């Protein structure tokens, strides 16, 4: 018998365990306003600032980016991982693919983003047999559902969108090894003349608040605002389009303005969603996200069990890639599963696709709702990486966040302070026994035991 083919009872056990996890796992956080003693610090205190080093001098600063691609005056830069961390191999490939997009390619076409109050440029592959003029007139006028391959999004620091926040999310996600999906992103410049056509379409097709925010970006460009213009070029973050995502069925809710987190925090009793909520809370606390509630997406993943000589092993793949050839073979994942009669299940996993409004130290909604303080379940690997990343030399982190993600000194110091704060909160909860290391699928499905408590 092929040792990779599981026992027929494997998937029923998997599903039963999942259902038990759904009903047995309690909500990890509670919706409540901060008590006076828990009042969130909106920025580093004078004492915290004094404890952090000064910005690195330009003579000692590391070069910007891990790789650079030039297209005339335009440039695409993929960023290195944060100090002491490694880049996810999939993210590296996605970043490199983003830098292959040539803005002057005759098969690349731009449309204004008409579905978001933060202006942005949607980038598509021009369908065969369709003229650019026809596409811009018919497809670009649509808010969503444009009939073309959606390649990427291009965003600037305007409205509440902020380039340094967008650039930082993927790198912090890699440093913490979170399971929640964060799209790849690179730094990209664009000739202002190239952007003029997008501006004209925005003026023709946008309405209401979206039209106003587009006018704001155009005004910033006209005045050469350094937040969007450098050396005469428009600059910003180029993001991988997350194909196959949709609003999360249980987590994409926003409460009243007085307590926007309430339905979000109280909604999830499903084990994997509990894990996702906790990891979202950690990264959003650190990067001071203002606009998460109501902006939570999901991507379906295929999970299956295989029997190996060492026991059962859990595998997964994004549903959008399940019908693509496995690396080095001509067989797709679904063909492999069906050919070997391996049962599988499709489940939603959280995607943090909209990270524009980060580094908002005065309106950090996760911090204001004390979500990290109330976490009861965490992946042991995520806990370990939070503690490790928080111990990174503050001077190295300060230099990295300023020179690679383009944060100001105060913004970088704020991120470092909140990273250390999250690590301290989690360690305190671990020490007092309220934090359980059970939020790995292998653990809550009973494939692996809960590891011994190690709060260091």
Protein backbone atom coordinates (compact mmCIF):
# COMPACT_ATOMS: atom_id res chain seq x y z
CA UNK A 1 0.00 0.00 0.00
CA UNK A 2 1.23 3.51 -0.77
CA UNK A 3 2.29 4.88 2.65
CA UNK A 4 0.92 8.31 1.71
CA UNK A 5 -2.64 7.04 1.36
CA UNK A 6 -4.45 7.57 4.65
CA UNK A 7 -6.75 5.13 6.34
CA UNK A 8 -10.36 5.49 5.21
CA UNK A 9 -11.29 6.61 8.68
CA UNK A 10 -8.87 9.54 8.59
CA UNK A 11 -11.19 12.21 7.24
CA UNK A 12 -14.21 11.28 9.38
CA UNK A 13 -11.94 11.64 12.42
CA UNK A 14 -10.72 14.95 11.01
CA UNK A 15 -14.24 16.28 10.53
CA UNK A 16 -15.47 15.08 13.93
CA UNK A 17 -12.49 16.73 15.59
CA UNK A 18 -13.20 19.93 13.68
CA UNK A 19 -16.81 19.97 14.78
CA UNK A 20 -15.80 19.34 18.38
CA UNK A 21 -13.34 22.19 18.10
CA UNK A 22 -16.07 24.43 16.74
CA UNK A 23 -18.31 23.82 19.74
CA UNK A 24 -15.69 23.44 22.43
CA UNK A 25 -13.49 26.44 21.73
CA UNK A 26 -14.69 29.54 23.51
CA UNK A 27 -14.31 33.08 22.25
CA UNK A 28 -10.78 34.31 22.77
CA UNK A 29 -11.59 37.93 23.38
CA UNK A 30 -14.29 40.00 24.96
CA UNK A 31 -15.70 43.22 23.58
CA UNK A 32 -15.28 45.92 26.16
CA UNK A 33 -14.10 49.48 26.38
CA UNK A 34 -10.71 50.07 27.94
CA UNK A 35 -10.85 50.52 31.69
CA UNK A 36 -9.10 53.66 32.95
CA UNK A 37 -6.16 51.55 34.13
CA UNK A 38 -5.91 49.98 30.65
CA UNK A 39 -6.01 53.22 28.71
CA UNK A 40 -4.06 52.62 25.49
CA UNK A 41 -0.87 54.56 24.84
CA UNK A 42 -1.33 56.21 21.47
CA UNK A 43 2.39 56.75 20.87
CA UNK A 44 5.67 56.00 22.63
CA UNK A 45 5.97 57.85 25.92
CA UNK A 46 8.94 60.22 26.46
CA UNK A 47 10.54 57.48 28.58
CA UNK A 48 10.05 54.88 25.82
CA UNK A 49 11.42 57.28 23.21
CA UNK A 50 14.49 57.97 25.33
CA UNK A 51 15.12 54.23 25.69
CA UNK A 52 15.10 53.72 21.93
CA UNK A 53 18.16 54.59 19.82
CA UNK A 54 18.40 57.49 17.42
CA UNK A 55 17.92 56.88 13.69
CA UNK A 56 20.83 55.29 11.89
CA UNK A 57 23.05 57.72 10.00
CA UNK A 58 22.93 57.54 6.22
CA UNK A 59 26.57 56.36 6.08
CA UNK A 60 25.70 53.19 8.00
CA UNK A 61 22.19 52.60 6.66
CA UNK A 62 21.76 49.38 4.70
CA UNK A 63 20.87 49.68 0.99
CA UNK A 64 17.19 50.09 0.19
CA UNK A 65 15.62 46.79 -0.88
CA UNK A 66 16.81 43.22 -1.45
CA UNK A 67 16.34 43.47 -5.23
CA UNK A 68 15.62 46.29 -7.66
CA UNK A 69 14.29 46.36 -11.21
CA UNK A 70 14.44 49.53 -13.32
CA UNK A 71 12.16 50.47 -16.20
CA UNK A 72 13.58 53.73 -17.51
CA UNK A 73 13.23 56.18 -14.62
CA UNK A 74 10.71 53.94 -12.89
CA UNK A 75 11.83 51.46 -10.29
CA UNK A 76 10.44 48.43 -8.46
CA UNK A 77 12.04 47.44 -5.15
CA UNK A 78 11.39 44.22 -3.20
CA UNK A 79 12.18 44.70 0.48
CA UNK A 80 14.39 42.44 2.61
CA UNK A 81 13.02 40.60 5.65
CA UNK A 82 13.17 42.29 9.04
CA UNK A 83 16.38 41.83 11.06
CA UNK A 84 16.82 38.31 12.40
CA UNK A 85 13.92 36.92 10.33
CA UNK A 86 13.44 35.10 7.04
CA UNK A 87 11.21 35.91 4.11
CA UNK A 88 8.49 33.38 3.29
CA UNK A 89 9.46 31.60 0.07
CA UNK A 90 6.01 32.11 -1.42
CA UNK A 91 6.12 35.82 -0.60
CA UNK A 92 9.57 36.14 -2.21
CA UNK A 93 8.23 34.64 -5.45
CA UNK A 94 5.13 36.85 -5.38
CA UNK A 95 7.25 39.97 -4.80
CA UNK A 96 9.54 39.06 -7.68
CA UNK A 97 6.49 38.52 -9.91
CA UNK A 98 5.14 41.96 -8.97
CA UNK A 99 8.41 43.54 -10.09
CA UNK A 100 8.02 41.88 -13.50
CA UNK A 101 4.95 44.04 -14.25
CA UNK A 102 5.97 46.73 -16.76
CA UNK A 103 3.70 49.74 -16.68
CA UNK A 104 4.43 50.48 -20.37
CA UNK A 105 3.68 46.91 -21.47
CA UNK A 106 1.04 47.08 -24.24
CA UNK A 107 -0.74 44.14 -22.57
CA UNK A 108 -1.05 45.97 -19.21
CA UNK A 109 -3.98 48.31 -18.64
CA UNK A 110 -4.93 50.57 -15.70
CA UNK A 111 -8.29 51.45 -14.14
CA UNK A 112 -9.08 53.69 -11.18
CA UNK A 113 -10.21 51.84 -8.05
CA UNK A 114 -13.87 52.82 -7.67
CA UNK A 115 -14.83 50.55 -4.73
CA UNK A 116 -12.62 52.06 -2.02
CA UNK A 117 -12.50 55.49 -0.41
CA UNK A 118 -8.71 55.25 -0.61
CA UNK A 119 -7.72 56.06 -4.21
CA UNK A 120 -5.70 53.44 -6.01
CA UNK A 121 -4.88 52.08 -9.45
CA UNK A 122 -6.11 48.61 -10.41
CA UNK A 123 -3.78 46.87 -12.87
CA UNK A 124 -5.04 44.27 -15.36
CA UNK A 125 -3.81 42.15 -18.23
CA UNK A 126 -5.53 43.43 -21.34
CA UNK A 127 -7.69 40.60 -22.74
CA UNK A 128 -6.77 39.31 -26.17
CA UNK A 129 -8.74 40.91 -28.97
CA UNK A 130 -9.86 43.87 -26.80
CA UNK A 131 -8.56 47.36 -27.51
CA UNK A 132 -7.24 49.54 -24.71
CA UNK A 133 -9.79 52.27 -25.49
CA UNK A 134 -12.68 49.80 -25.40
CA UNK A 135 -11.51 48.28 -22.10
CA UNK A 136 -11.09 51.70 -20.46
CA UNK A 137 -14.53 52.78 -21.61
CA UNK A 138 -16.49 49.64 -20.73
CA UNK A 139 -14.60 47.81 -18.00
CA UNK A 140 -12.95 50.66 -16.10
CA UNK A 141 -16.36 52.26 -15.56
CA UNK A 142 -17.36 49.27 -13.41
CA UNK A 143 -16.76 49.26 -9.66
CA UNK A 144 -16.08 45.52 -9.58
CA UNK A 145 -16.24 42.46 -11.81
CA UNK A 146 -14.06 43.79 -14.61
CA UNK A 147 -13.59 41.16 -17.30
CA UNK A 148 -9.80 40.75 -17.17
CA UNK A 149 -7.01 39.12 -15.20
CA UNK A 150 -6.51 41.34 -12.13
CA UNK A 151 -2.74 41.59 -11.61
CA UNK A 152 -2.12 44.09 -8.83
CA UNK A 153 -3.18 47.23 -6.96
CA UNK A 154 -1.10 50.42 -6.72
CA UNK A 155 -1.68 52.67 -3.70
CA UNK A 156 -0.24 55.88 -2.29
CA UNK A 157 -0.25 57.81 0.99
CA UNK A 158 -3.56 59.61 0.61
CA UNK A 159 -6.84 59.71 2.52
CA UNK A 160 -6.13 57.22 5.37
CA UNK A 161 -3.98 55.02 3.13
CA UNK A 162 -0.28 55.07 4.04
CA UNK A 163 2.54 53.53 2.01
CA UNK A 164 4.85 52.68 4.97
CA UNK A 165 2.04 50.75 6.68
CA UNK A 166 1.30 48.73 3.55
CA UNK A 167 4.99 47.95 3.05
CA UNK A 168 5.42 46.87 6.68
CA UNK A 169 2.54 44.38 6.98
CA UNK A 170 4.05 41.53 4.98
CA UNK A 171 7.44 41.87 6.65
CA UNK A 172 5.99 41.82 10.16
CA UNK A 173 3.73 38.89 9.18
CA UNK A 174 6.81 36.94 8.07
CA UNK A 175 8.69 37.87 11.26
CA UNK A 176 5.85 36.58 13.45
CA UNK A 177 5.17 33.52 11.23
CA UNK A 178 1.43 34.11 11.44
CA UNK A 179 -0.93 31.81 9.54
CA UNK A 180 -3.24 34.65 8.46
CA UNK A 181 -2.64 35.51 4.81
CA UNK A 182 -1.10 38.94 4.08
CA UNK A 183 -0.55 39.84 0.40
CA UNK A 184 2.90 40.43 -1.07
CA UNK A 185 3.86 44.07 -1.65
CA UNK A 186 6.76 45.99 -3.21
CA UNK A 187 7.80 49.62 -3.49
CA UNK A 188 7.06 51.02 -6.97
CA UNK A 189 7.43 54.34 -8.77
CA UNK A 190 5.43 55.56 -11.78
CA UNK A 191 5.84 58.41 -14.25
CA UNK A 192 3.23 61.06 -13.51
CA UNK A 193 2.33 61.16 -17.20
CA UNK A 194 1.39 57.45 -17.01
CA UNK A 195 -0.97 58.21 -14.13
CA UNK A 196 -2.78 61.00 -15.99
CA UNK A 197 -5.01 58.56 -17.86
CA UNK A 198 -6.12 56.96 -14.56
CA UNK A 199 -6.89 60.40 -13.15
CA UNK A 200 -9.09 61.26 -16.15
CA UNK A 201 -11.05 58.02 -15.76
CA UNK A 202 -11.46 58.65 -12.01
CA UNK A 203 -12.89 62.08 -12.78
CA UNK A 204 -15.35 60.55 -15.26
CA UNK A 205 -16.35 57.38 -13.37
CA UNK A 206 -16.00 58.13 -9.63
CA UNK A 207 -18.83 59.62 -7.56
CA UNK A 208 -19.41 61.06 -4.10
CA UNK A 209 -16.74 60.49 -1.47
CA UNK A 210 -14.60 58.38 -3.81
CA UNK A 211 -14.50 61.25 -6.31
CA UNK A 212 -13.46 63.61 -3.49
CA UNK A 213 -10.61 61.39 -2.32
CA UNK A 214 -9.36 61.03 -5.88
CA UNK A 215 -9.35 64.83 -6.16
CA UNK A 216 -7.29 64.88 -2.95
CA UNK A 217 -4.62 62.58 -4.42
CA UNK A 218 -4.48 64.61 -7.65
CA UNK A 219 -4.03 67.79 -5.60
CA UNK A 220 -1.17 66.20 -3.64
CA UNK A 221 0.55 65.27 -6.88
CA UNK A 222 0.07 68.73 -8.35
CA UNK A 223 1.79 70.23 -5.28
CA UNK A 224 4.58 67.62 -5.33
CA UNK A 225 3.68 66.46 -1.82
CA UNK A 226 6.67 64.37 -0.64
CA UNK A 227 4.26 61.74 0.68
CA UNK A 228 3.42 60.80 -2.91
CA UNK A 229 6.08 62.40 -5.15
CA UNK A 230 9.83 61.76 -5.06
CA UNK A 231 12.30 62.92 -7.71
CA UNK A 232 9.38 63.88 -9.92
CA UNK A 233 7.88 60.38 -9.82
CA UNK A 234 4.73 59.08 -8.16
CA UNK A 235 5.60 56.41 -5.61
CA UNK A 236 3.67 53.95 -3.50
CA UNK A 237 3.00 50.30 -2.72
CA UNK A 238 2.28 47.72 -5.42
CA UNK A 239 0.22 44.87 -3.94
CA UNK A 240 -0.44 41.40 -5.21
CA UNK A 241 -4.13 41.02 -6.02
CA UNK A 242 -5.56 38.29 -3.82
CA UNK A 243 -7.61 36.29 -6.28
CA UNK A 244 -10.31 34.03 -4.92
CA UNK A 245 -11.01 36.05 -1.78
CA UNK A 246 -14.35 37.25 -0.47
CA UNK A 247 -15.70 38.81 2.70
CA UNK A 248 -15.19 36.46 5.63
CA UNK A 249 -18.55 34.75 6.29
CA UNK A 250 -18.40 35.15 10.10
CA UNK A 251 -15.73 37.74 10.88
CA UNK A 252 -16.45 40.62 8.48
CA UNK A 253 -18.71 42.66 10.76
CA UNK A 254 -18.54 46.15 12.20
CA UNK A 255 -20.44 47.36 15.24
CA UNK A 256 -21.70 50.86 16.01
CA UNK A 257 -19.19 53.70 16.16
CA UNK A 258 -19.25 53.51 19.95
CA UNK A 259 -17.95 49.91 19.86
CA UNK A 260 -17.07 48.76 16.32
CA UNK A 261 -15.30 45.63 17.60
CA UNK A 262 -18.27 44.17 19.50
CA UNK A 263 -19.85 41.81 16.91
CA UNK A 264 -16.44 40.96 15.51
CA UNK A 265 -15.03 39.91 18.86
CA UNK A 266 -18.09 37.96 19.93
CA UNK A 267 -18.74 36.14 16.67
CA UNK A 268 -16.16 33.38 16.44
CA UNK A 269 -16.29 30.10 18.32
CA UNK A 270 -14.74 28.05 15.54
CA UNK A 271 -11.21 26.90 16.35
CA UNK A 272 -9.45 28.05 13.18
CA UNK A 273 -11.26 31.39 13.22
CA UNK A 274 -10.19 31.82 16.85
CA UNK A 275 -6.60 31.37 15.73
CA UNK A 276 -7.05 33.88 12.90
CA UNK A 277 -8.67 36.48 15.16
CA UNK A 278 -5.80 36.21 17.63
CA UNK A 279 -3.13 36.62 14.97
CA UNK A 280 -4.99 39.55 13.42
CA UNK A 281 -5.14 41.20 16.84
CA UNK A 282 -1.40 40.80 17.35
CA UNK A 283 -0.26 42.28 14.04
CA UNK A 284 -2.91 45.03 13.99
CA UNK A 285 -1.97 46.06 17.55
CA UNK A 286 1.70 46.32 16.56
CA UNK A 287 1.04 48.23 13.32
CA UNK A 288 -1.73 50.44 14.76
CA UNK A 289 -4.49 49.54 12.29
CA UNK A 290 -7.42 51.96 12.20
CA UNK A 291 -9.74 50.32 9.68
CA UNK A 292 -9.96 46.55 10.26
CA UNK A 293 -13.54 45.93 11.40
CA UNK A 294 -15.61 45.57 8.26
CA UNK A 295 -12.44 44.88 6.23
CA UNK A 296 -11.84 41.19 6.92
CA UNK A 297 -11.59 38.82 3.98
CA UNK A 298 -11.16 35.07 3.61
CA UNK A 299 -9.57 32.66 1.18
CA UNK A 300 -10.58 29.01 0.99
CA UNK A 301 -7.91 26.39 1.58
CA UNK A 302 -7.97 22.64 0.94
CA UNK A 303 -6.91 20.49 3.92
CA UNK A 304 -6.16 16.77 3.91
CA UNK A 305 -4.50 14.13 6.06
CA UNK A 306 -1.84 11.72 4.85
CA UNK A 307 -0.52 8.65 6.59
CA UNK A 308 3.28 8.60 6.81
CA UNK A 309 5.73 6.35 8.62
CA UNK A 310 5.78 8.97 11.39
CA UNK A 311 1.99 9.12 11.65
CA UNK A 312 -0.70 11.39 10.23
CA UNK A 313 0.38 14.68 8.69
CA UNK A 314 -1.89 17.62 7.85
CA UNK A 315 -1.39 19.32 4.47
CA UNK A 316 -3.05 22.36 2.93
CA UNK A 317 -3.08 24.41 -0.26
CA UNK A 318 -4.97 27.52 -1.34
CA UNK A 319 -8.10 26.54 -3.23
CA UNK A 320 -7.09 28.83 -6.10
CA UNK A 321 -3.90 26.78 -6.55
CA UNK A 322 -5.45 23.35 -6.09
CA UNK A 323 -6.04 22.98 -9.84
CA UNK A 324 -2.55 24.13 -10.81
CA UNK A 325 0.35 21.71 -11.34
CA UNK A 326 2.33 20.77 -8.25
CA UNK A 327 5.91 22.08 -8.45
CA UNK A 328 8.03 19.77 -10.57
CA UNK A 329 5.10 17.70 -11.85
CA UNK A 330 2.28 17.85 -14.37
CA UNK A 331 -0.27 16.74 -11.75
CA UNK A 332 -2.49 19.16 -9.87
CA UNK A 333 -3.25 18.84 -6.17
CA UNK A 334 -6.85 17.85 -6.89
CA UNK A 335 -5.73 15.21 -9.40
CA UNK A 336 -3.32 13.82 -6.81
CA UNK A 337 -5.99 13.69 -4.10
CA UNK A 338 -8.60 12.10 -6.34
CA UNK A 339 -6.19 9.59 -7.89
CA UNK A 340 -5.13 8.39 -4.45
CA UNK A 341 -8.67 8.54 -3.00
CA UNK A 342 -7.53 10.97 -0.30
CA UNK A 343 -10.46 12.74 1.41
CA UNK A 344 -10.17 16.51 1.86
CA UNK A 345 -12.12 19.42 3.27
CA UNK A 346 -12.30 23.07 2.18
CA UNK A 347 -12.24 25.72 4.92
CA UNK A 348 -12.02 29.54 4.99
CA UNK A 349 -8.82 31.17 6.30
CA UNK A 350 -8.59 34.87 7.11
CA UNK A 351 -6.90 37.24 4.64
CA UNK A 352 -5.72 40.70 5.71
CA UNK A 353 -5.89 42.16 2.22
CA UNK A 354 -6.66 45.78 3.17
CA UNK A 355 -3.88 47.19 5.36
CA UNK A 356 -3.89 50.76 4.05
CA UNK A 357 -4.83 52.57 7.25
CA UNK A 358 -2.02 51.40 9.52
CA UNK A 359 0.38 53.37 11.75
CA UNK A 360 -2.58 55.38 13.07
CA UNK A 361 -1.26 55.65 16.61
CA UNK A 362 -4.19 57.79 17.80
CA UNK A 363 -6.86 55.39 16.49
CA UNK A 364 -5.48 51.88 16.96
CA UNK A 365 -8.85 50.09 17.22
CA UNK A 366 -7.42 46.72 18.26
CA UNK A 367 -5.40 48.31 21.07
CA UNK A 368 -8.32 50.44 22.19
CA UNK A 369 -10.45 47.29 22.56
CA UNK A 370 -7.73 45.41 24.52
CA UNK A 371 -7.94 42.45 22.18
CA UNK A 372 -4.43 41.13 22.84
CA UNK A 373 -5.00 41.29 26.62
CA UNK A 374 -7.97 38.93 26.24
CA UNK A 375 -6.36 36.33 23.98
CA UNK A 376 -6.77 32.85 25.49
CA UNK A 377 -5.49 30.71 22.60
CA UNK A 378 -2.39 31.09 20.45
CA UNK A 379 -0.20 29.04 18.15
CA UNK A 380 2.95 28.03 20.05
CA UNK A 381 5.07 28.95 17.03
CA UNK A 382 3.52 32.43 16.78
CA UNK A 383 4.09 33.00 20.51
CA UNK A 384 7.73 31.96 20.11
CA UNK A 385 8.29 34.28 17.16
CA UNK A 386 6.60 37.26 18.86
CA UNK A 387 8.94 36.88 21.84
CA UNK A 388 11.98 36.44 19.60
CA UNK A 389 11.15 39.40 17.34
CA UNK A 390 10.56 41.63 20.38
CA UNK A 391 14.11 40.86 21.57
CA UNK A 392 15.66 42.07 18.32
CA UNK A 393 18.09 44.94 18.83
CA UNK A 394 15.91 48.11 18.81
CA UNK A 395 18.55 49.97 16.83
CA UNK A 396 18.40 47.37 14.06
CA UNK A 397 14.60 47.51 13.99
CA UNK A 398 14.59 51.31 13.96
CA UNK A 399 17.01 51.41 11.03
CA UNK A 400 15.00 48.75 9.18
CA UNK A 401 11.56 50.32 9.58
CA UNK A 402 12.86 53.77 8.60
CA UNK A 403 15.11 52.81 5.70
CA UNK A 404 13.13 49.88 4.27
CA UNK A 405 9.45 50.57 5.01
CA UNK A 406 9.91 54.37 4.96
CA UNK A 407 8.43 55.07 8.42
CA UNK A 408 9.29 58.24 10.29
CA UNK A 409 11.43 57.90 13.41
CA UNK A 410 8.42 58.32 15.72
CA UNK A 411 6.38 55.78 13.73
CA UNK A 412 9.19 53.23 13.88
CA UNK A 413 9.67 53.81 17.61
CA UNK A 414 5.94 53.34 18.09
CA UNK A 415 5.99 50.00 16.26
CA UNK A 416 8.93 48.80 18.37
CA UNK A 417 7.23 49.90 21.60
CA UNK A 418 3.98 48.13 20.67
CA UNK A 419 5.85 44.99 19.61
CA UNK A 420 7.49 44.87 23.03
CA UNK A 421 4.13 45.62 24.64
CA UNK A 422 2.43 42.69 22.84
CA UNK A 423 5.27 40.35 23.83
CA UNK A 424 4.95 41.48 27.46
CA UNK A 425 1.15 41.02 27.50
CA UNK A 426 1.36 37.53 26.02
CA UNK A 427 4.11 36.48 28.42
CA UNK A 428 2.10 37.75 31.38
CA UNK A 429 -0.93 35.75 30.23
CA UNK A 430 1.28 32.70 29.71
CA UNK A 431 2.82 33.05 33.17
CA UNK A 432 -0.58 33.30 34.87
CA UNK A 433 -1.96 30.31 32.94
CA UNK A 434 -4.67 32.10 30.92
CA UNK A 435 -2.96 31.64 27.53
CA UNK A 436 -3.13 28.17 25.94
CA UNK A 437 -0.76 27.02 23.19
CA UNK A 438 -3.42 25.11 21.25
CA UNK A 439 -4.12 27.15 18.12
CA UNK A 440 -2.39 24.95 15.56
CA UNK A 441 -4.72 22.82 13.40
CA UNK A 442 -2.61 19.76 14.21
CA UNK A 443 -3.20 20.42 17.90
CA UNK A 444 -6.90 21.24 18.01
CA UNK A 445 -7.59 18.33 15.67
CA UNK A 446 -5.81 15.97 18.02
CA UNK A 447 -3.00 15.02 15.61
CA UNK A 448 -0.34 16.50 17.90
CA UNK A 449 -0.37 17.10 21.69
CA UNK A 450 -0.31 20.55 23.27
CA UNK A 451 3.39 21.33 23.78
CA UNK A 452 4.82 21.88 27.26
CA UNK A 453 4.34 25.39 28.61
CA UNK A 454 7.33 27.61 27.81
CA UNK A 455 6.71 31.29 28.40
CA UNK A 456 10.21 32.50 27.47
